[in-house]
N, C-alpha and C. Protein backbone atom coordinates (compact mmCIF):
# COMPACT_ATOMS: atom_id res chain seq x y z
N MET A 1 14.63 8.67 -3.16
CA MET A 1 13.23 8.61 -3.55
C MET A 1 12.45 7.91 -2.44
N ASN A 2 11.27 8.38 -2.19
CA ASN A 2 10.34 7.77 -1.25
C ASN A 2 9.21 7.15 -2.06
N ILE A 3 8.52 6.21 -1.46
CA ILE A 3 7.45 5.50 -2.16
C ILE A 3 6.15 5.63 -1.38
N ILE A 4 5.08 5.86 -2.12
CA ILE A 4 3.73 5.77 -1.58
C ILE A 4 3.10 4.56 -2.25
N CYS A 5 2.68 3.60 -1.46
CA CYS A 5 2.06 2.40 -2.01
C CYS A 5 0.65 2.29 -1.44
N PHE A 6 -0.33 2.40 -2.31
CA PHE A 6 -1.72 2.26 -1.90
C PHE A 6 -2.13 0.80 -1.98
N LEU A 7 -2.78 0.34 -0.93
CA LEU A 7 -3.26 -1.04 -0.84
C LEU A 7 -4.74 -1.02 -1.19
N THR A 8 -5.09 -1.66 -2.31
CA THR A 8 -6.44 -1.52 -2.86
C THR A 8 -7.05 -2.87 -3.22
N VAL A 9 -8.35 -2.83 -3.51
CA VAL A 9 -9.06 -3.99 -4.06
C VAL A 9 -9.47 -3.67 -5.49
N HIS A 10 -10.31 -2.64 -5.65
CA HIS A 10 -10.80 -2.20 -6.96
C HIS A 10 -10.67 -0.68 -7.07
N PRO A 11 -9.48 -0.16 -7.29
CA PRO A 11 -9.33 1.30 -7.35
C PRO A 11 -10.05 1.91 -8.55
N SER A 12 -10.69 3.03 -8.32
CA SER A 12 -11.46 3.71 -9.37
C SER A 12 -10.56 4.60 -10.21
N THR A 13 -11.11 5.09 -11.30
CA THR A 13 -10.40 6.05 -12.15
C THR A 13 -10.11 7.33 -11.37
N LEU A 14 -11.06 7.78 -10.57
CA LEU A 14 -10.86 8.98 -9.74
C LEU A 14 -9.68 8.79 -8.79
N PHE A 15 -9.61 7.63 -8.16
CA PHE A 15 -8.50 7.32 -7.26
C PHE A 15 -7.18 7.29 -8.03
N TYR A 16 -7.17 6.66 -9.19
CA TYR A 16 -5.97 6.59 -10.03
C TYR A 16 -5.50 8.00 -10.40
N ASN A 17 -6.42 8.86 -10.78
CA ASN A 17 -6.06 10.23 -11.15
C ASN A 17 -5.49 11.00 -9.95
N PHE A 18 -6.02 10.75 -8.76
CA PHE A 18 -5.46 11.36 -7.55
C PHE A 18 -4.02 10.88 -7.35
N CYS A 19 -3.78 9.61 -7.55
CA CYS A 19 -2.42 9.05 -7.40
C CYS A 19 -1.45 9.70 -8.38
N LYS A 20 -1.91 9.97 -9.59
CA LYS A 20 -1.04 10.63 -10.58
C LYS A 20 -0.63 12.02 -10.09
N ARG A 21 -1.51 12.69 -9.36
CA ARG A 21 -1.19 14.02 -8.84
C ARG A 21 -0.19 13.95 -7.69
N LEU A 22 -0.12 12.82 -6.99
CA LEU A 22 0.83 12.66 -5.88
C LEU A 22 2.26 12.44 -6.35
N LYS A 23 2.41 11.87 -7.53
CA LYS A 23 3.74 11.53 -8.03
C LYS A 23 4.52 12.82 -8.32
N ASN A 24 5.73 12.90 -7.75
CA ASN A 24 6.59 14.05 -7.99
C ASN A 24 8.04 13.64 -7.80
N GLU A 25 8.94 14.60 -7.71
CA GLU A 25 10.37 14.28 -7.59
C GLU A 25 10.72 13.64 -6.25
N LYS A 26 9.85 13.76 -5.26
CA LYS A 26 10.11 13.16 -3.94
C LYS A 26 9.46 11.78 -3.79
N TYR A 27 8.35 11.55 -4.47
CA TYR A 27 7.57 10.32 -4.29
C TYR A 27 7.36 9.57 -5.60
N ASP A 28 7.59 8.28 -5.53
CA ASP A 28 7.16 7.37 -6.59
C ASP A 28 5.90 6.70 -6.06
N VAL A 29 4.90 6.49 -6.90
CA VAL A 29 3.61 6.00 -6.43
C VAL A 29 3.32 4.62 -7.03
N TYR A 30 2.86 3.73 -6.16
CA TYR A 30 2.46 2.37 -6.53
C TYR A 30 1.02 2.15 -6.09
N ILE A 31 0.30 1.37 -6.89
CA ILE A 31 -1.03 0.91 -6.50
C ILE A 31 -0.97 -0.61 -6.52
N CYS A 32 -1.14 -1.22 -5.36
CA CYS A 32 -1.16 -2.68 -5.27
C CYS A 32 -2.62 -3.12 -5.26
N ILE A 33 -3.00 -3.94 -6.23
CA ILE A 33 -4.39 -4.34 -6.41
C ILE A 33 -4.58 -5.77 -5.92
N ASP A 34 -5.53 -5.96 -5.02
CA ASP A 34 -5.82 -7.27 -4.45
C ASP A 34 -6.41 -8.22 -5.50
N ASP A 35 -7.37 -7.75 -6.26
CA ASP A 35 -8.07 -8.57 -7.26
C ASP A 35 -7.30 -8.55 -8.58
N ASN A 36 -6.63 -9.65 -8.89
CA ASN A 36 -5.80 -9.70 -10.10
C ASN A 36 -6.59 -9.64 -11.40
N ASN A 37 -7.89 -9.89 -11.35
CA ASN A 37 -8.73 -9.82 -12.55
C ASN A 37 -9.24 -8.41 -12.82
N TYR A 38 -8.98 -7.49 -11.91
CA TYR A 38 -9.50 -6.13 -12.03
C TYR A 38 -8.51 -5.24 -12.77
N ASN A 39 -9.03 -4.43 -13.68
CA ASN A 39 -8.24 -3.41 -14.37
C ASN A 39 -8.84 -2.05 -14.07
N ILE A 40 -7.99 -1.09 -13.78
CA ILE A 40 -8.47 0.26 -13.50
C ILE A 40 -9.04 0.85 -14.78
N PRO A 41 -10.31 1.31 -14.75
CA PRO A 41 -10.88 1.91 -15.95
C PRO A 41 -10.10 3.16 -16.36
N ASN A 42 -9.87 3.32 -17.63
CA ASN A 42 -9.21 4.49 -18.20
C ASN A 42 -7.81 4.73 -17.63
N CYS A 43 -7.13 3.67 -17.30
CA CYS A 43 -5.74 3.76 -16.83
C CYS A 43 -4.89 4.09 -18.05
N ASP A 44 -4.36 5.32 -18.13
CA ASP A 44 -3.87 5.84 -19.39
C ASP A 44 -2.37 5.90 -19.61
N ASP A 45 -1.56 5.76 -18.58
CA ASP A 45 -0.13 5.91 -18.83
C ASP A 45 0.70 5.13 -17.81
N GLY A 46 1.99 5.21 -17.96
CA GLY A 46 2.89 4.47 -17.10
C GLY A 46 3.45 5.26 -15.94
N ASN A 47 2.84 6.39 -15.58
CA ASN A 47 3.37 7.21 -14.48
C ASN A 47 3.22 6.55 -13.12
N ILE A 48 2.24 5.68 -12.97
CA ILE A 48 1.97 5.01 -11.70
C ILE A 48 2.32 3.53 -11.86
N ASN A 49 3.01 2.99 -10.89
CA ASN A 49 3.36 1.56 -10.90
C ASN A 49 2.17 0.76 -10.38
N ILE A 50 1.69 -0.16 -11.19
CA ILE A 50 0.56 -1.01 -10.81
C ILE A 50 1.12 -2.38 -10.43
N LEU A 51 0.82 -2.83 -9.21
CA LEU A 51 1.27 -4.14 -8.75
C LEU A 51 0.10 -5.11 -8.72
N LYS A 52 0.25 -6.19 -9.46
CA LYS A 52 -0.68 -7.30 -9.41
C LYS A 52 0.17 -8.56 -9.30
N LEU A 53 0.12 -9.18 -8.15
CA LEU A 53 0.92 -10.37 -7.91
C LEU A 53 0.01 -11.55 -7.65
N GLU A 54 0.38 -12.70 -8.17
CA GLU A 54 -0.41 -13.90 -7.94
C GLU A 54 -0.41 -14.25 -6.46
N ASN A 55 -1.57 -14.59 -5.94
CA ASN A 55 -1.69 -14.94 -4.53
C ASN A 55 -0.72 -16.05 -4.14
N LYS A 56 -0.66 -17.10 -4.96
CA LYS A 56 0.16 -18.27 -4.64
C LYS A 56 1.63 -17.91 -4.48
N LEU A 57 2.13 -17.02 -5.31
CA LEU A 57 3.52 -16.58 -5.23
C LEU A 57 3.82 -16.01 -3.84
N CYS A 58 2.96 -15.14 -3.38
CA CYS A 58 3.14 -14.50 -2.07
C CYS A 58 2.92 -15.49 -0.93
N GLU A 59 1.86 -16.28 -1.05
CA GLU A 59 1.52 -17.24 0.01
C GLU A 59 2.62 -18.28 0.19
N ASP A 60 3.16 -18.79 -0.92
CA ASP A 60 4.23 -19.79 -0.83
C ASP A 60 5.48 -19.24 -0.16
N ALA A 61 5.66 -17.93 -0.23
CA ALA A 61 6.82 -17.28 0.42
C ALA A 61 6.49 -16.85 1.85
N GLY A 62 5.28 -17.17 2.32
CA GLY A 62 4.89 -16.85 3.69
C GLY A 62 4.23 -15.50 3.87
N PHE A 63 3.93 -14.82 2.78
CA PHE A 63 3.31 -13.50 2.85
C PHE A 63 1.80 -13.66 2.74
N LYS A 64 1.15 -13.86 3.89
CA LYS A 64 -0.30 -14.01 3.96
C LYS A 64 -0.74 -13.75 5.39
N ASN A 65 -2.03 -13.56 5.58
CA ASN A 65 -2.64 -13.40 6.91
C ASN A 65 -2.26 -12.11 7.64
N THR A 66 -1.81 -11.07 6.96
CA THR A 66 -1.53 -9.83 7.68
C THR A 66 -2.80 -9.05 7.99
N VAL A 67 -3.89 -9.41 7.34
CA VAL A 67 -5.19 -8.81 7.61
C VAL A 67 -6.08 -9.91 8.18
N THR A 68 -6.65 -9.69 9.35
CA THR A 68 -7.37 -10.76 10.04
C THR A 68 -8.58 -11.29 9.28
N TYR A 69 -9.22 -10.47 8.47
CA TYR A 69 -10.39 -10.96 7.73
C TYR A 69 -10.03 -11.60 6.39
N CYS A 70 -8.76 -11.67 6.06
CA CYS A 70 -8.29 -12.38 4.85
C CYS A 70 -7.51 -13.61 5.30
N LYS A 71 -8.21 -14.56 5.86
CA LYS A 71 -7.58 -15.75 6.42
C LYS A 71 -6.99 -16.63 5.32
N ASN A 72 -5.75 -17.03 5.53
CA ASN A 72 -5.04 -17.98 4.67
C ASN A 72 -4.95 -17.57 3.21
N ARG A 73 -4.91 -16.28 2.96
CA ARG A 73 -4.69 -15.82 1.59
C ARG A 73 -3.92 -14.51 1.60
N ALA A 74 -3.29 -14.24 0.50
CA ALA A 74 -2.55 -12.99 0.35
C ALA A 74 -3.50 -11.88 -0.11
N CYS A 75 -3.52 -10.79 0.62
CA CYS A 75 -4.30 -9.62 0.22
C CYS A 75 -3.32 -8.56 -0.30
N SER A 76 -3.81 -7.39 -0.62
CA SER A 76 -2.92 -6.36 -1.20
C SER A 76 -1.78 -5.99 -0.25
N ARG A 77 -2.01 -6.00 1.05
CA ARG A 77 -0.93 -5.69 2.00
C ARG A 77 0.17 -6.75 1.92
N ASP A 78 -0.22 -8.02 1.91
CA ASP A 78 0.77 -9.10 1.79
C ASP A 78 1.54 -9.00 0.48
N LYS A 79 0.82 -8.70 -0.58
CA LYS A 79 1.45 -8.60 -1.90
C LYS A 79 2.45 -7.44 -1.95
N ALA A 80 2.08 -6.31 -1.37
CA ALA A 80 2.99 -5.16 -1.35
C ALA A 80 4.23 -5.46 -0.51
N LEU A 81 4.03 -6.07 0.65
CA LEU A 81 5.17 -6.43 1.50
C LEU A 81 6.09 -7.41 0.77
N TYR A 82 5.50 -8.39 0.10
CA TYR A 82 6.29 -9.35 -0.68
C TYR A 82 7.11 -8.61 -1.74
N TYR A 83 6.44 -7.76 -2.50
CA TYR A 83 7.09 -7.07 -3.61
C TYR A 83 8.29 -6.25 -3.14
N PHE A 84 8.11 -5.47 -2.10
CA PHE A 84 9.19 -4.60 -1.66
C PHE A 84 10.27 -5.33 -0.86
N CYS A 85 9.94 -6.48 -0.30
CA CYS A 85 10.96 -7.29 0.39
C CYS A 85 11.78 -8.12 -0.59
N LYS A 86 11.17 -8.59 -1.65
CA LYS A 86 11.82 -9.52 -2.56
C LYS A 86 12.50 -8.86 -3.76
N ASN A 87 12.21 -7.61 -4.01
CA ASN A 87 12.80 -6.91 -5.16
C ASN A 87 13.78 -5.85 -4.68
N ASP A 88 14.80 -5.63 -5.47
CA ASP A 88 15.84 -4.65 -5.13
C ASP A 88 15.40 -3.28 -5.64
N ILE A 89 14.63 -2.58 -4.82
CA ILE A 89 14.10 -1.28 -5.19
C ILE A 89 14.73 -0.24 -4.27
N ASP A 90 15.30 0.79 -4.87
CA ASP A 90 15.98 1.83 -4.09
C ASP A 90 14.97 2.84 -3.57
N PHE A 91 14.87 2.93 -2.25
CA PHE A 91 13.98 3.90 -1.64
C PHE A 91 14.49 4.24 -0.25
N GLN A 92 14.10 5.43 0.23
CA GLN A 92 14.44 5.83 1.59
C GLN A 92 13.42 5.25 2.56
N TYR A 93 12.14 5.43 2.25
CA TYR A 93 11.08 4.83 3.05
C TYR A 93 9.83 4.68 2.20
N ILE A 94 8.88 3.91 2.73
CA ILE A 94 7.62 3.63 2.03
C ILE A 94 6.45 3.97 2.94
N TRP A 95 5.48 4.65 2.36
CA TRP A 95 4.18 4.79 2.99
C TRP A 95 3.32 3.64 2.46
N PHE A 96 2.73 2.83 3.32
CA PHE A 96 1.70 1.87 2.92
C PHE A 96 0.38 2.44 3.40
N ILE A 97 -0.52 2.73 2.46
CA ILE A 97 -1.77 3.41 2.79
C ILE A 97 -2.94 2.64 2.20
N GLU A 98 -3.92 2.32 3.04
CA GLU A 98 -5.15 1.69 2.56
C GLU A 98 -5.90 2.69 1.68
N GLU A 99 -6.59 2.18 0.66
CA GLU A 99 -7.24 3.08 -0.29
C GLU A 99 -8.38 3.89 0.32
N ASP A 100 -8.91 3.47 1.46
CA ASP A 100 -10.02 4.22 2.06
C ASP A 100 -9.57 5.27 3.08
N VAL A 101 -8.26 5.51 3.17
CA VAL A 101 -7.75 6.57 4.04
C VAL A 101 -7.98 7.92 3.36
N PHE A 102 -8.58 8.84 4.08
CA PHE A 102 -8.88 10.15 3.52
C PHE A 102 -7.62 11.01 3.51
N ILE A 103 -7.24 11.46 2.35
CA ILE A 103 -6.12 12.39 2.19
C ILE A 103 -6.71 13.65 1.57
N PRO A 104 -6.90 14.70 2.37
CA PRO A 104 -7.65 15.87 1.90
C PRO A 104 -6.96 16.70 0.83
N ARG A 105 -5.62 16.74 0.86
CA ARG A 105 -4.89 17.57 -0.11
C ARG A 105 -3.63 16.83 -0.57
N ILE A 106 -3.13 17.21 -1.70
CA ILE A 106 -1.92 16.62 -2.24
C ILE A 106 -0.75 16.78 -1.28
N TYR A 107 -0.67 17.89 -0.59
CA TYR A 107 0.48 18.16 0.28
C TYR A 107 0.35 17.57 1.69
N THR A 108 -0.73 16.86 1.95
CA THR A 108 -0.92 16.28 3.28
C THR A 108 0.23 15.35 3.67
N LEU A 109 0.63 14.47 2.78
CA LEU A 109 1.71 13.53 3.11
C LEU A 109 3.05 14.25 3.33
N ILE A 110 3.32 15.25 2.53
CA ILE A 110 4.55 16.03 2.71
C ILE A 110 4.54 16.71 4.07
N ASN A 111 3.40 17.28 4.44
CA ASN A 111 3.29 17.93 5.75
C ASN A 111 3.48 16.93 6.89
N ILE A 112 2.91 15.74 6.75
CA ILE A 112 3.10 14.70 7.78
C ILE A 112 4.56 14.28 7.84
N ASP A 113 5.19 14.11 6.67
CA ASP A 113 6.62 13.77 6.64
C ASP A 113 7.45 14.79 7.41
N ASN A 114 7.15 16.05 7.20
CA ASN A 114 7.91 17.11 7.87
C ASN A 114 7.64 17.15 9.38
N LYS A 115 6.41 16.85 9.77
CA LYS A 115 6.05 16.91 11.18
C LYS A 115 6.56 15.70 11.96
N TYR A 116 6.51 14.51 11.35
CA TYR A 116 6.91 13.26 12.03
C TYR A 116 8.08 12.62 11.29
N ASP A 117 9.17 13.34 11.17
CA ASP A 117 10.28 12.85 10.34
C ASP A 117 10.99 11.63 10.90
N THR A 118 10.79 11.29 12.16
CA THR A 118 11.42 10.09 12.71
C THR A 118 10.40 8.98 13.00
N GLY A 119 9.13 9.23 12.74
CA GLY A 119 8.10 8.22 13.00
C GLY A 119 8.06 7.16 11.92
N ASP A 120 7.72 5.95 12.33
CA ASP A 120 7.61 4.89 11.33
C ASP A 120 6.24 4.22 11.34
N LEU A 121 5.36 4.63 12.25
CA LEU A 121 3.99 4.13 12.26
C LEU A 121 3.09 5.25 12.74
N LEU A 122 2.14 5.63 11.91
CA LEU A 122 1.16 6.64 12.29
C LEU A 122 -0.20 5.95 12.38
N SER A 123 -0.82 6.02 13.53
CA SER A 123 -2.07 5.32 13.77
C SER A 123 -2.81 6.02 14.91
N PRO A 124 -4.16 6.04 14.87
CA PRO A 124 -4.87 6.66 15.98
C PRO A 124 -4.72 5.85 17.27
N THR A 125 -4.58 4.54 17.15
CA THR A 125 -4.35 3.67 18.31
C THR A 125 -3.41 2.55 17.88
N ASN A 126 -2.80 1.96 18.84
CA ASN A 126 -1.91 0.84 18.56
C ASN A 126 -2.09 -0.19 19.66
N LYS A 127 -3.03 -1.11 19.47
CA LYS A 127 -3.33 -2.13 20.46
C LYS A 127 -2.40 -3.32 20.25
N VAL A 128 -1.76 -3.76 21.30
CA VAL A 128 -0.84 -4.89 21.23
C VAL A 128 -1.55 -6.14 21.71
N TRP A 129 -1.53 -7.17 20.89
CA TRP A 129 -2.07 -8.48 21.27
C TRP A 129 -0.89 -9.39 21.54
N TYR A 130 -0.79 -9.87 22.75
CA TYR A 130 0.34 -10.73 23.12
C TYR A 130 0.10 -12.19 22.77
N ASN A 131 -1.15 -12.58 22.59
CA ASN A 131 -1.47 -13.90 22.06
C ASN A 131 -2.79 -13.81 21.33
N LYS A 132 -3.11 -14.81 20.55
CA LYS A 132 -4.29 -14.70 19.69
C LYS A 132 -5.60 -14.64 20.46
N ASN A 133 -5.64 -15.05 21.71
CA ASN A 133 -6.86 -14.95 22.51
C ASN A 133 -7.15 -13.51 22.94
N ASP A 134 -6.17 -12.64 22.90
CA ASP A 134 -6.37 -11.24 23.26
C ASP A 134 -7.32 -10.53 22.31
N SER A 135 -7.47 -11.03 21.09
CA SER A 135 -8.29 -10.36 20.08
C SER A 135 -9.78 -10.58 20.31
N ASN A 136 -10.16 -11.47 21.18
CA ASN A 136 -11.58 -11.78 21.41
C ASN A 136 -12.22 -10.85 22.40
């Protein structure tokens, strides 16, 4: 089984329904929500795994600051990394996808999997910062 994990803040019902369409025999789908007080409107069944983790739990384990604008706190990316590193979940690989990434069709991810079967990072650019002053 492969996993698609969306990194979100306040996912909408429309987004949730799109995630339900992605779930199939090849993919298990997770939505990691940054805001623990937020509930997806009209979230109707258990087909999608919803992750809400307390910030302190992740931060105390060192899972924080992976996003530069979320200084000294755990965001959805940190929470997802914590969850999949600390829990014994059987998977071949995981897609971590920000909620604002445009996915035009349900089969887009399958097509990308087939095209880049050995790739582990897909990005338009990959800038390497060798020290924190490089970011300025």
